Amino acid sequence: MTALVTLAQAKDQLSITHSDQDVFVQDKLDEAHALVLQYCDKAPPEGWDATTVPLEVRSAILDVVTDLYTDRGDMDRPASRTPSLWDGFPTPAVRGKLIRWHALVVA
């Protein structure tokens, strides 16, 4: 998978200036990529790369990586705003950013 957001961009989003947590942040970034791209069922068949990814998709990945990094279960906090990969639904803010890349289903 081509990285649409780099580790450096994710660390900048998280205000991390050291390399102590690079492996952990990269894991969360990989998970965020998977969550967002799974939701984007109207993405072009050839996919995106770092130069063609739409701004709203890049922004959504950064939002999700922030949620995943912040809500690690190591502190007393309300439930995570970002569902697990198995829940299948991003937060309303992320959903709003990705609306043009997701096929709406009317029941």
PDB file of N, CA and C in Angstrom:
ATOM      1  N   MET A   1       0.850  -1.189   0.000  1.00  0.00           N
ATOM      2  CA  MET A   1       0.000   0.000   0.000  1.00  0.00           C
ATOM      3  C   MET A   1       0.887   1.241   0.000  1.00  0.00           C
ATOM      4  N   THR A   2       0.569   2.173  -0.860  1.00  0.00           N
ATOM      5  CA  THR A   2       1.285   3.440  -0.913  1.00  0.00           C
ATOM      6  C   THR A   2       0.858   4.306   0.255  1.00  0.00           C
ATOM      7  N   ALA A   3       1.826   4.874   0.932  1.00  0.00           N
ATOM      8  CA  ALA A   3       1.521   5.749   2.066  1.00  0.00           C
ATOM      9  C   ALA A   3       0.930   7.059   1.555  1.00  0.00           C
ATOM     10  N   LEU A   4      -0.277   7.354   2.000  1.00  0.00           N
ATOM     11  CA  LEU A   4      -0.935   8.609   1.623  1.00  0.00           C
ATOM     12  C   LEU A   4      -0.588   9.707   2.609  1.00  0.00           C
ATOM     13  N   VAL A   5      -0.211   9.310   3.812  1.00  0.00           N
ATOM     14  CA  VAL A   5       0.249  10.219   4.858  1.00  0.00           C
ATOM     15  C   VAL A   5       1.541   9.622   5.392  1.00  0.00           C
ATOM     16  N   THR A   6       2.569  10.416   5.516  1.00  0.00           N
ATOM     17  CA  THR A   6       3.856   9.920   5.987  1.00  0.00           C
ATOM     18  C   THR A   6       3.918   9.914   7.513  1.00  0.00           C
ATOM     19  N   LEU A   7       4.872   9.178   8.035  1.00  0.00           N
ATOM     20  CA  LEU A   7       5.112   9.162   9.472  1.00  0.00           C
ATOM     21  C   LEU A   7       5.422  10.573   9.961  1.00  0.00           C
ATOM     22  N   ALA A   8       6.195  11.319   9.199  1.00  0.00           N
ATOM     23  CA  ALA A   8       6.531  12.701   9.585  1.00  0.00           C
ATOM     24  C   ALA A   8       5.281  13.572   9.678  1.00  0.00           C
ATOM     25  N   GLN A   9       4.351  13.412   8.738  1.00  0.00           N
ATOM     26  CA  GLN A   9       3.106  14.187   8.784  1.00  0.00           C
ATOM     27  C   GLN A   9       2.258  13.791   9.988  1.00  0.00           C
ATOM     28  N   ALA A  10       2.211  12.496  10.285  1.00  0.00           N
ATOM     29  CA  ALA A  10       1.443  12.035  11.449  1.00  0.00           C
ATOM     30  C   ALA A  10       2.057  12.558  12.735  1.00  0.00           C
ATOM     31  N   LYS A  11       3.375  12.518  12.848  1.00  0.00           N
ATOM     32  CA  LYS A  11       4.054  13.030  14.051  1.00  0.00           C
ATOM     33  C   LYS A  11       3.827  14.530  14.197  1.00  0.00           C
ATOM     34  N   ASP A  12       3.816  15.244  13.085  1.00  0.00           N
ATOM     35  CA  ASP A  12       3.538  16.680  13.129  1.00  0.00           C
ATOM     36  C   ASP A  12       2.118  16.925  13.634  1.00  0.00           C
ATOM     37  N   GLN A  13       1.155  16.142  13.146  1.00  0.00           N
ATOM     38  CA  GLN A  13      -0.243  16.244  13.584  1.00  0.00           C
ATOM     39  C   GLN A  13      -0.352  16.005  15.093  1.00  0.00           C
ATOM     40  N   LEU A  14       0.451  15.060  15.592  1.00  0.00           N
ATOM     41  CA  LEU A  14       0.399  14.679  17.001  1.00  0.00           C
ATOM     42  C   LEU A  14       1.344  15.504  17.878  1.00  0.00           C
ATOM     43  N   SER A  15       2.061  16.444  17.276  1.00  0.00           N
ATOM     44  CA  SER A  15       3.044  17.281  17.975  1.00  0.00           C
ATOM     45  C   SER A  15       4.126  16.438  18.658  1.00  0.00           C
ATOM     46  N   ILE A  16       4.585  15.417  17.960  1.00  0.00           N
ATOM     47  CA  ILE A  16       5.658  14.557  18.466  1.00  0.00           C
ATOM     48  C   ILE A  16       6.952  14.960  17.773  1.00  0.00           C
ATOM     49  N   THR A  17       7.963  15.278  18.568  1.00  0.00           N
ATOM     50  CA  THR A  17       9.231  15.727  17.997  1.00  0.00           C
ATOM     51  C   THR A  17      10.364  14.723  18.191  1.00  0.00           C
ATOM     52  N   HIS A  18      10.120  13.637  18.894  1.00  0.00           N
ATOM     53  CA  HIS A  18      11.148  12.628  19.154  1.00  0.00           C
ATOM     54  C   HIS A  18      10.818  11.356  18.359  1.00  0.00           C
ATOM     55  N   SER A  19      11.737  10.405  18.389  1.00  0.00           N
ATOM     56  CA  SER A  19      11.516   9.169  17.634  1.00  0.00           C
ATOM     57  C   SER A  19      11.189   7.981  18.541  1.00  0.00           C
ATOM     58  N   ASP A  20      11.006   8.220  19.822  1.00  0.00           N
ATOM     59  CA  ASP A  20      10.754   7.134  20.779  1.00  0.00           C
ATOM     60  C   ASP A  20       9.509   6.318  20.444  1.00  0.00           C
ATOM     61  N   GLN A  21       8.513   6.933  19.850  1.00  0.00           N
ATOM     62  CA  GLN A  21       7.244   6.248  19.584  1.00  0.00           C
ATOM     63  C   GLN A  21       6.991   6.018  18.099  1.00  0.00           C
ATOM     64  N   ASP A  22       8.020   6.073  17.291  1.00  0.00           N
ATOM     65  CA  ASP A  22       7.836   5.940  15.842  1.00  0.00           C
ATOM     66  C   ASP A  22       7.137   4.643  15.443  1.00  0.00           C
ATOM     67  N   VAL A  23       7.503   3.539  16.055  1.00  0.00           N
ATOM     68  CA  VAL A  23       6.886   2.257  15.693  1.00  0.00           C
ATOM     69  C   VAL A  23       5.404   2.276  16.062  1.00  0.00           C
ATOM     70  N   PHE A  24       5.082   2.779  17.252  1.00  0.00           N
ATOM     71  CA  PHE A  24       3.692   2.849  17.692  1.00  0.00           C
ATOM     72  C   PHE A  24       2.880   3.775  16.783  1.00  0.00           C
ATOM     73  N   VAL A  25       3.418   4.941  16.486  1.00  0.00           N
ATOM     74  CA  VAL A  25       2.714   5.892  15.614  1.00  0.00           C
ATOM     75  C   VAL A  25       2.535   5.293  14.216  1.00  0.00           C
ATOM     76  N   GLN A  26       3.549   4.608  13.696  1.00  0.00           N
ATOM     77  CA  GLN A  26       3.421   3.985  12.373  1.00  0.00           C
ATOM     78  C   GLN A  26       2.330   2.923  12.379  1.00  0.00           C
ATOM     79  N   ASP A  27       2.230   2.148  13.464  1.00  0.00           N
ATOM     80  CA  ASP A  27       1.151   1.153  13.569  1.00  0.00           C
ATOM     81  C   ASP A  27      -0.216   1.827  13.525  1.00  0.00           C
ATOM     82  N   LYS A  28      -0.373   2.922  14.256  1.00  0.00           N
ATOM     83  CA  LYS A  28      -1.648   3.649  14.270  1.00  0.00           C
ATOM     84  C   LYS A  28      -1.917   4.283  12.909  1.00  0.00           C
ATOM     85  N   LEU A  29      -0.877   4.757  12.253  1.00  0.00           N
ATOM     86  CA  LEU A  29      -1.028   5.338  10.921  1.00  0.00           C
ATOM     87  C   LEU A  29      -1.466   4.271   9.920  1.00  0.00           C
ATOM     88  N   ASP A  30      -0.880   3.092   9.999  1.00  0.00           N
ATOM     89  CA  ASP A  30      -1.286   1.995   9.110  1.00  0.00           C
ATOM     90  C   ASP A  30      -2.750   1.624   9.347  1.00  0.00           C
ATOM     91  N   GLU A  31      -3.164   1.582  10.614  1.00  0.00           N
ATOM     92  CA  GLU A  31      -4.552   1.274  10.938  1.00  0.00           C
ATOM     93  C   GLU A  31      -5.486   2.368  10.412  1.00  0.00           C
ATOM     94  N   ALA A  32      -5.080   3.626  10.561  1.00  0.00           N
ATOM     95  CA  ALA A  32      -5.895   4.744  10.069  1.00  0.00           C
ATOM     96  C   ALA A  32      -6.042   4.682   8.552  1.00  0.00           C
ATOM     97  N   HIS A  33      -4.941   4.378   7.844  1.00  0.00           N
ATOM     98  CA  HIS A  33      -5.020   4.209   6.392  1.00  0.00           C
ATOM     99  C   HIS A  33      -6.064   3.148   6.046  1.00  0.00           C
ATOM    100  N   ALA A  34      -5.981   2.003   6.713  1.00  0.00           N
ATOM    101  CA  ALA A  34      -6.898   0.895   6.417  1.00  0.00           C
ATOM    102  C   ALA A  34      -8.349   1.290   6.676  1.00  0.00           C
ATOM    103  N   LEU A  35      -8.613   1.947   7.802  1.00  0.00           N
ATOM    104  CA  LEU A  35      -9.975   2.364   8.136  1.00  0.00           C
ATOM    105  C   LEU A  35     -10.543   3.314   7.083  1.00  0.00           C
ATOM    106  N   VAL A  36      -9.758   4.316   6.728  1.00  0.00           N
ATOM    107  CA  VAL A  36     -10.243   5.331   5.784  1.00  0.00           C
ATOM    108  C   VAL A  36     -10.416   4.735   4.390  1.00  0.00           C
ATOM    109  N   LEU A  37      -9.441   3.971   3.933  1.00  0.00           N
ATOM    110  CA  LEU A  37      -9.539   3.418   2.580  1.00  0.00           C
ATOM    111  C   LEU A  37     -10.644   2.377   2.472  1.00  0.00           C
ATOM    112  N   GLN A  38     -10.908   1.651   3.548  1.00  0.00           N
ATOM    113  CA  GLN A  38     -12.026   0.700   3.553  1.00  0.00           C
ATOM    114  C   GLN A  38     -13.347   1.448   3.373  1.00  0.00           C
ATOM    115  N   TYR A  39     -13.461   2.619   3.951  1.00  0.00           N
ATOM    116  CA  TYR A  39     -14.687   3.411   3.866  1.00  0.00           C
ATOM    117  C   TYR A  39     -14.848   4.061   2.493  1.00  0.00           C
ATOM    118  N   CYS A  40     -13.747   4.353   1.825  1.00  0.00           N
ATOM    119  CA  CYS A  40     -13.776   5.061   0.533  1.00  0.00           C
ATOM    120  C   CYS A  40     -14.040   4.085  -0.617  1.00  0.00           C
ATOM    121  N   ASP A  41     -15.281   3.631  -0.724  1.00  0.00           N
ATOM    122  CA  ASP A  41     -15.606   2.665  -1.758  1.00  0.00           C
ATOM    123  C   ASP A  41     -15.795   3.290  -3.141  1.00  0.00           C
ATOM    124  N   LYS A  42     -15.714   4.616  -3.238  1.00  0.00           N
ATOM    125  CA  LYS A  42     -15.793   5.283  -4.544  1.00  0.00           C
ATOM    126  C   LYS A  42     -14.439   5.860  -4.960  1.00  0.00           C
ATOM    127  N   ALA A  43     -13.376   5.367  -4.335  1.00  0.00           N
ATOM    128  CA  ALA A  43     -12.030   5.803  -4.719  1.00  0.00           C
ATOM    129  C   ALA A  43     -11.740   5.315  -6.136  1.00  0.00           C
ATOM    130  N   PRO A  44     -10.856   5.988  -6.848  1.00  0.00           N
ATOM    131  CA  PRO A  44     -10.542   5.537  -8.211  1.00  0.00           C
ATOM    132  C   PRO A  44      -9.941   4.126  -8.186  1.00  0.00           C
ATOM    133  N   PRO A  45     -10.219   3.327  -9.215  1.00  0.00           N
ATOM    134  CA  PRO A  45      -9.727   1.945  -9.238  1.00  0.00           C
ATOM    135  C   PRO A  45      -8.210   1.846  -9.100  1.00  0.00           C
ATOM    136  N   GLU A  46      -7.513   2.825  -9.642  1.00  0.00           N
ATOM    137  CA  GLU A  46      -6.048   2.811  -9.553  1.00  0.00           C
ATOM    138  C   GLU A  46      -5.549   3.298  -8.201  1.00  0.00           C
ATOM    139  N   GLY A  47      -6.454   3.770  -7.366  1.00  0.00           N
ATOM    140  CA  GLY A  47      -6.078   4.269  -6.033  1.00  0.00           C
ATOM    141  C   GLY A  47      -5.420   5.627  -6.096  1.00  0.00           C
ATOM    142  N   TRP A  48      -4.873   6.025  -4.985  1.00  0.00           N
ATOM    143  CA  TRP A  48      -4.177   7.302  -4.883  1.00  0.00           C
ATOM    144  C   TRP A  48      -2.741   7.053  -4.467  1.00  0.00           C
ATOM    145  N   ASP A  49      -1.916   8.071  -4.679  1.00  0.00           N
ATOM    146  CA  ASP A  49      -0.578   8.067  -4.091  1.00  0.00           C
ATOM    147  C   ASP A  49      -0.426   9.379  -3.333  1.00  0.00           C
ATOM    148  N   ALA A  50       0.733   9.615  -2.776  1.00  0.00           N
ATOM    149  CA  ALA A  50       0.945  10.795  -1.935  1.00  0.00           C
ATOM    150  C   ALA A  50       0.715  12.104  -2.682  1.00  0.00           C
ATOM    151  N   THR A  51       0.842  12.091  -4.008  1.00  0.00           N
ATOM    152  CA  THR A  51       0.658  13.331  -4.773  1.00  0.00           C
ATOM    153  C   THR A  51      -0.767  13.511  -5.279  1.00  0.00           C
ATOM    154  N   THR A  52      -1.553  12.422  -5.343  1.00  0.00           N
ATOM    155  CA  THR A  52      -2.906  12.525  -5.897  1.00  0.00           C
ATOM    156  C   THR A  52      -4.016  12.384  -4.858  1.00  0.00           C
ATOM    157  N   VAL A  53      -3.666  12.040  -3.630  1.00  0.00           N
ATOM    158  CA  VAL A  53      -4.689  11.847  -2.599  1.00  0.00           C
ATOM    159  C   VAL A  53      -5.421  13.167  -2.358  1.00  0.00           C
ATOM    160  N   PRO A  54      -6.748  13.151  -2.359  1.00  0.00           N
ATOM    161  CA  PRO A  54      -7.493  14.381  -2.087  1.00  0.00           C
ATOM    162  C   PRO A  54      -7.233  14.878  -0.658  1.00  0.00           C
ATOM    163  N   LEU A  55      -7.265  16.183  -0.494  1.00  0.00           N
ATOM    164  CA  LEU A  55      -6.992  16.800   0.803  1.00  0.00           C
ATOM    165  C   LEU A  55      -7.910  16.253   1.894  1.00  0.00           C
ATOM    166  N   GLU A  56      -9.192  16.042   1.570  1.00  0.00           N
ATOM    167  CA  GLU A  56     -10.123  15.569   2.595  1.00  0.00           C
ATOM    168  C   GLU A  56      -9.817  14.141   3.037  1.00  0.00           C
ATOM    169  N   VAL A  57      -9.262  13.336   2.147  1.00  0.00           N
ATOM    170  CA  VAL A  57      -8.878  11.968   2.515  1.00  0.00           C
ATOM    171  C   VAL A  57      -7.646  12.010   3.415  1.00  0.00           C
ATOM    172  N   ARG A  58      -6.670  12.822   3.053  1.00  0.00           N
ATOM    173  CA  ARG A  58      -5.469  12.985   3.892  1.00  0.00           C
ATOM    174  C   ARG A  58      -5.869  13.506   5.270  1.00  0.00           C
ATOM    175  N   SER A  59      -6.758  14.475   5.310  1.00  0.00           N
ATOM    176  CA  SER A  59      -7.216  15.045   6.569  1.00  0.00           C
ATOM    177  C   SER A  59      -7.945  14.004   7.420  1.00  0.00           C
ATOM    178  N   ALA A  60      -8.759  13.167   6.778  1.00  0.00           N
ATOM    179  CA  ALA A  60      -9.477  12.115   7.498  1.00  0.00           C
ATOM    180  C   ALA A  60      -8.498  11.108   8.099  1.00  0.00           C
ATOM    181  N   ILE A  61      -7.471  10.731   7.355  1.00  0.00           N
ATOM    182  CA  ILE A  61      -6.463   9.808   7.882  1.00  0.00           C
ATOM    183  C   ILE A  61      -5.791  10.411   9.106  1.00  0.00           C
ATOM    184  N   LEU A  62      -5.453  11.691   9.038  1.00  0.00           N
ATOM    185  CA  LEU A  62      -4.819  12.349  10.188  1.00  0.00           C
ATOM    186  C   LEU A  62      -5.767  12.434  11.383  1.00  0.00           C
ATOM    187  N   ASP A  63      -7.058  12.678  11.132  1.00  0.00           N
ATOM    188  CA  ASP A  63      -8.042  12.688  12.224  1.00  0.00           C
ATOM    189  C   ASP A  63      -8.112  11.325  12.909  1.00  0.00           C
ATOM    190  N   VAL A  64      -8.146  10.277  12.102  1.00  0.00           N
ATOM    191  CA  VAL A  64      -8.260   8.930  12.659  1.00  0.00           C
ATOM    192  C   VAL A  64      -6.990   8.550  13.406  1.00  0.00           C
ATOM    193  N   VAL A  65      -5.826   8.879  12.858  1.00  0.00           N
ATOM    194  CA  VAL A  65      -4.583   8.543  13.562  1.00  0.00           C
ATOM    195  C   VAL A  65      -4.509   9.291  14.898  1.00  0.00           C
ATOM    196  N   THR A  66      -5.022  10.512  14.928  1.00  0.00           N
ATOM    197  CA  THR A  66      -5.056  11.270  16.190  1.00  0.00           C
ATOM    198  C   THR A  66      -5.940  10.569  17.205  1.00  0.00           C
ATOM    199  N   ASP A  67      -7.113  10.140  16.778  1.00  0.00           N
ATOM    200  CA  ASP A  67      -8.011   9.422  17.687  1.00  0.00           C
ATOM    201  C   ASP A  67      -7.388   8.115  18.171  1.00  0.00           C
ATOM    202  N   LEU A  68      -6.793   7.363  17.266  1.00  0.00           N
ATOM    203  CA  LEU A  68      -6.193   6.085  17.645  1.00  0.00           C
ATOM    204  C   LEU A  68      -5.018   6.280  18.593  1.00  0.00           C
ATOM    205  N   TYR A  69      -4.236   7.320  18.369  1.00  0.00           N
ATOM    206  CA  TYR A  69      -3.085   7.600  19.229  1.00  0.00           C
ATOM    207  C   TYR A  69      -3.544   8.089  20.602  1.00  0.00           C
ATOM    208  N   THR A  70      -4.544   8.948  20.612  1.00  0.00           N
ATOM    209  CA  THR A  70      -5.016   9.553  21.860  1.00  0.00           C
ATOM    210  C   THR A  70      -5.752   8.549  22.734  1.00  0.00           C
ATOM    211  N   ASP A  71      -6.598   7.734  22.151  1.00  0.00           N
ATOM    212  CA  ASP A  71      -7.432   6.791  22.906  1.00  0.00           C
ATOM    213  C   ASP A  71      -6.801   5.405  22.923  1.00  0.00           C
ATOM    214  N   ARG A  72      -5.754   5.252  23.716  1.00  0.00           N
ATOM    215  CA  ARG A  72      -5.003   3.993  23.760  1.00  0.00           C
ATOM    216  C   ARG A  72      -5.469   3.060  24.857  1.00  0.00           C
ATOM    217  N   GLY A  73      -6.412   3.512  25.677  1.00  0.00           N
ATOM    218  CA  GLY A  73      -6.876   2.666  26.757  1.00  0.00           C
ATOM    219  C   GLY A  73      -5.963   2.693  27.963  1.00  0.00           C
ATOM    220  N   ASP A  74      -4.979   3.604  27.966  1.00  0.00           N
ATOM    221  CA  ASP A  74      -4.051   3.651  29.091  1.00  0.00           C
ATOM    222  C   ASP A  74      -4.412   4.730  30.111  1.00  0.00           C
ATOM    223  N   MET A  75      -5.535   5.414  29.898  1.00  0.00           N
ATOM    224  CA  MET A  75      -5.986   6.446  30.826  1.00  0.00           C
ATOM    225  C   MET A  75      -7.494   6.345  30.964  1.00  0.00           C
ATOM    226  N   ASP A  76      -8.032   6.928  32.016  1.00  0.00           N
ATOM    227  CA  ASP A  76      -9.482   6.968  32.194  1.00  0.00           C
ATOM    228  C   ASP A  76     -10.076   8.003  31.249  1.00  0.00           C
ATOM    229  N   ARG A  77     -10.735   7.545  30.211  1.00  0.00           N
ATOM    230  CA  ARG A  77     -11.349   8.433  29.217  1.00  0.00           C
ATOM    231  C   ARG A  77     -12.661   7.820  28.772  1.00  0.00           C
ATOM    232  N   PRO A  78     -13.514   8.639  28.189  1.00  0.00           N
ATOM    233  CA  PRO A  78     -14.721   8.071  27.585  1.00  0.00           C
ATOM    234  C   PRO A  78     -14.323   7.135  26.442  1.00  0.00           C
ATOM    235  N   ALA A  79     -15.261   6.377  25.975  1.00  0.00           N
ATOM    236  CA  ALA A  79     -15.000   5.439  24.877  1.00  0.00           C
ATOM    237  C   ALA A  79     -14.410   6.175  23.686  1.00  0.00           C
ATOM    238  N   SER A  80     -13.596   5.477  22.920  1.00  0.00           N
ATOM    239  CA  SER A  80     -12.927   6.044  21.760  1.00  0.00           C
ATOM    240  C   SER A  80     -13.930   6.602  20.758  1.00  0.00           C
ATOM    241  N   ARG A  81     -13.557   7.708  20.131  1.00  0.00           N
ATOM    242  CA  ARG A  81     -14.396   8.283  19.077  1.00  0.00           C
ATOM    243  C   ARG A  81     -14.224   7.517  17.778  1.00  0.00           C
ATOM    244  N   THR A  82     -13.123   6.788  17.634  1.00  0.00           N
ATOM    245  CA  THR A  82     -12.870   6.038  16.421  1.00  0.00           C
ATOM    246  C   THR A  82     -13.180   4.576  16.671  1.00  0.00           C
ATOM    247  N   PRO A  83     -14.088   4.007  15.908  1.00  0.00           N
ATOM    248  CA  PRO A  83     -14.434   2.601  16.090  1.00  0.00           C
ATOM    249  C   PRO A  83     -13.300   1.699  15.621  1.00  0.00           C
ATOM    250  N   SER A  84     -13.347   0.468  16.015  1.00  0.00           N
ATOM    251  CA  SER A  84     -12.362  -0.485  15.516  1.00  0.00           C
ATOM    252  C   SER A  84     -12.653  -0.757  14.045  1.00  0.00           C
ATOM    253  N   LEU A  85     -11.703  -1.385  13.402  1.00  0.00           N
ATOM    254  CA  LEU A  85     -11.848  -1.735  11.996  1.00  0.00           C
ATOM    255  C   LEU A  85     -13.100  -2.580  11.772  1.00  0.00           C
ATOM    256  N   TRP A  86     -13.510  -3.327  12.779  1.00  0.00           N
ATOM    257  CA  TRP A  86     -14.638  -4.242  12.644  1.00  0.00           C
ATOM    258  C   TRP A  86     -15.981  -3.526  12.734  1.00  0.00           C
ATOM    259  N   ASP A  87     -16.022  -2.354  13.322  1.00  0.00           N
ATOM    260  CA  ASP A  87     -17.285  -1.628  13.444  1.00  0.00           C
ATOM    261  C   ASP A  87     -17.745  -1.055  12.106  1.00  0.00           C
ATOM    262  N   GLY A  88     -16.793  -0.660  11.257  1.00  0.00           N
ATOM    263  CA  GLY A  88     -17.121  -0.233   9.914  1.00  0.00           C
ATOM    264  C   GLY A  88     -17.625   1.189   9.752  1.00  0.00           C
ATOM    265  N   PHE A  89     -17.755   1.968  10.808  1.00  0.00           N
ATOM    266  CA  PHE A  89     -18.267   3.329  10.675  1.00  0.00           C
ATOM    267  C   PHE A  89     -17.307   4.326  11.292  1.00  0.00           C
ATOM    268  N   PRO A  90     -16.829   5.301  10.513  1.00  0.00           N
ATOM    269  CA  PRO A  90     -15.983   6.346  11.095  1.00  0.00           C
ATOM    270  C   PRO A  90     -16.827   7.348  11.882  1.00  0.00           C
ATOM    271  N   THR A  91     -16.152   8.232  12.564  1.00  0.00           N
ATOM    272  CA  THR A  91     -16.840   9.276  13.326  1.00  0.00           C
ATOM    273  C   THR A  91     -17.618  10.180  12.368  1.00  0.00           C
ATOM    274  N   PRO A  92     -18.589  10.929  12.874  1.00  0.00           N
ATOM    275  CA  PRO A  92     -19.326  11.858  12.000  1.00  0.00           C
ATOM    276  C   PRO A  92     -18.410  12.871  11.301  1.00  0.00           C
ATOM    277  N   ALA A  93     -17.388  13.352  11.994  1.00  0.00           N
ATOM    278  CA  ALA A  93     -16.478  14.331  11.381  1.00  0.00           C
ATOM    279  C   ALA A  93     -15.731  13.718  10.197  1.00  0.00           C
ATOM    280  N   VAL A  94     -15.249  12.509  10.383  1.00  0.00           N
ATOM    281  CA  VAL A  94     -14.525  11.828   9.308  1.00  0.00           C
ATOM    282  C   VAL A  94     -15.496  11.462   8.188  1.00  0.00           C
ATOM    283  N   ARG A  95     -16.671  10.986   8.544  1.00  0.00           N
ATOM    284  CA  ARG A  95     -17.692  10.642   7.540  1.00  0.00           C
ATOM    285  C   ARG A  95     -18.006  11.865   6.671  1.00  0.00           C
ATOM    286  N   GLY A  96     -18.108  13.030   7.300  1.00  0.00           N
ATOM    287  CA  GLY A  96     -18.389  14.257   6.548  1.00  0.00           C
ATOM    288  C   GLY A  96     -17.289  14.582   5.553  1.00  0.00           C
ATOM    289  N   LYS A  97     -16.043  14.364   5.955  1.00  0.00           N
ATOM    290  CA  LYS A  97     -14.925  14.637   5.048  1.00  0.00           C
ATOM    291  C   LYS A  97     -14.904  13.671   3.868  1.00  0.00           C
ATOM    292  N   LEU A  98     -15.379  12.456   4.101  1.00  0.00           N
ATOM    293  CA  LEU A  98     -15.271  11.415   3.076  1.00  0.00           C
ATOM    294  C   LEU A  98     -16.554  11.176   2.295  1.00  0.00           C
ATOM    295  N   ILE A  99     -17.550  12.032   2.474  1.00  0.00           N
ATOM    296  CA  ILE A  99     -18.869  11.791   1.875  1.00  0.00           C
ATOM    297  C   ILE A  99     -18.808  11.608   0.359  1.00  0.00           C
ATOM    298  N   ARG A 100     -17.935  12.334  -0.303  1.00  0.00           N
ATOM    299  CA  ARG A 100     -17.889  12.194  -1.770  1.00  0.00           C
ATOM    300  C   ARG A 100     -17.202  10.908  -2.217  1.00  0.00           C
ATOM    301  N   TRP A 101     -16.529  10.232  -1.304  1.00  0.00           N
ATOM    302  CA  TRP A 101     -15.800   9.008  -1.633  1.00  0.00           C
ATOM    303  C   TRP A 101     -16.500   7.759  -1.104  1.00  0.00           C
ATOM    304  N   HIS A 102     -17.719   7.903  -0.596  1.00  0.00           N
ATOM    305  CA  HIS A 102     -18.446   6.763  -0.037  1.00  0.00           C
ATOM    306  C   HIS A 102     -19.833   6.690  -0.667  1.00  0.00           C
ATOM    307  N   ALA A 103     -20.200   5.521  -1.140  1.00  0.00           N
ATOM    308  CA  ALA A 103     -21.526   5.329  -1.738  1.00  0.00           C
ATOM    309  C   ALA A 103     -22.569   5.305  -0.627  1.00  0.00           C
ATOM    310  N   LEU A 104     -23.532   6.186  -0.718  1.00  0.00           N
ATOM    311  CA  LEU A 104     -24.603   6.228   0.282  1.00  0.00           C
ATOM    312  C   LEU A 104     -25.594   5.129  -0.014  1.00  0.00           C
ATOM    313  N   VAL A 105     -26.060   4.488   1.025  1.00  0.00           N
ATOM    314  CA  VAL A 105     -27.022   3.392   0.892  1.00  0.00           C
ATOM    315  C   VAL A 105     -28.346   3.852   1.485  1.00  0.00           C
ATOM    316  N   VAL A 106     -29.402   3.748   0.688  1.00  0.00           N
ATOM    317  CA  VAL A 106     -30.734   4.120   1.151  1.00  0.00           C
ATOM    318  C   VAL A 106     -31.522   2.825   1.352  1.00  0.00           C
ATOM    319  N   ALA A 107     -32.048   2.678   2.547  1.00  0.00           N
ATOM    320  CA  ALA A 107     -32.786   1.436   2.840  1.00  0.00           C
ATOM    321  C   ALA A 107     -34.263   1.620   2.612  1.00  0.00           C
TER     322      ALA A 107
END
